[in-house]
């Protein structure tokens, strides 16, 4: 992933305490599961589960 994009992404979610919420914010702006996982130090499956939970709430 481009270092600048990663830095901007981290700045975008810096005030979000919940990793799941941060993952969803990054997902909403187009980052892939792998990219989000690398940025937040979680597994790609964590991001996929967050997406499923979000979609289940609708």
Protein backbone atom coordinates (compact mmCIF):
# COMPACT_ATOMS: atom_id res chain seq x y z
CA UNK A 1 0.00 0.00 0.00
CA UNK A 2 1.18 3.47 -0.72
CA UNK A 3 2.75 4.97 2.41
CA UNK A 4 1.04 8.31 1.94
CA UNK A 5 -2.38 6.69 1.60
CA UNK A 6 -1.71 4.67 4.74
CA UNK A 7 -0.68 7.75 6.67
CA UNK A 8 -3.76 9.67 5.53
CA UNK A 9 -5.97 6.72 6.47
CA UNK A 10 -4.53 6.60 9.98
CA UNK A 11 -5.06 10.33 10.35
CA UNK A 12 -8.68 9.87 9.20
CA UNK A 13 -9.41 7.38 12.00
CA UNK A 14 -7.07 8.73 14.70
CA UNK A 15 -9.92 9.84 16.97
CA UNK A 16 -11.85 6.57 16.65
CA UNK A 17 -11.23 4.40 19.71
CA UNK A 18 -13.09 1.33 18.44
CA UNK A 19 -11.15 -0.70 15.86
CA UNK A 20 -14.36 -2.03 14.35
CA UNK A 21 -15.65 1.51 13.74
CA UNK A 22 -12.28 2.51 12.30
CA UNK A 23 -12.35 -0.52 10.00
CA UNK A 24 -15.80 0.44 8.74
CA UNK A 25 -14.75 4.04 8.12
CA UNK A 26 -11.78 2.87 6.07
CA UNK A 27 -13.98 0.38 4.25
CA UNK A 28 -16.40 3.17 3.37
CA UNK A 29 -13.66 5.13 1.61
CA UNK A 30 -12.48 2.17 -0.43
CA UNK A 31 -9.66 0.38 1.37
CA UNK A 32 -9.51 -3.40 0.98
CA UNK A 33 -9.76 -5.83 3.87
CA UNK A 34 -6.03 -6.54 3.66
CA UNK A 35 -5.13 -2.86 3.66
CA UNK A 36 -7.40 -2.13 6.62
CA UNK A 37 -6.06 -5.12 8.50
CA UNK A 38 -2.48 -3.93 7.99
CA UNK A 39 -3.31 -0.40 9.11
CA UNK A 40 -5.19 -1.44 12.25
CA UNK A 41 -3.03 -4.46 13.14
CA UNK A 42 -5.92 -6.92 12.90
CA UNK A 43 -6.63 -9.85 10.62
CA UNK A 44 -8.51 -9.46 7.34
CA UNK A 45 -11.26 -11.66 8.77
CA UNK A 46 -11.82 -9.06 11.52
CA UNK A 47 -12.69 -6.54 8.83
CA UNK A 48 -15.00 -8.99 7.06
CA UNK A 49 -16.84 -9.72 10.31
CA UNK A 50 -17.22 -5.98 10.96
CA UNK A 51 -18.78 -5.62 7.51
CA UNK A 52 -21.18 -8.47 8.17
CA UNK A 53 -22.21 -6.99 11.49
CA UNK A 54 -22.84 -3.62 9.85
CA UNK A 55 -24.94 -5.21 7.15
CA UNK A 56 -26.89 -7.22 9.72
CA UNK A 57 -27.90 -4.06 11.59
CA UNK A 58 -29.79 -2.64 8.62
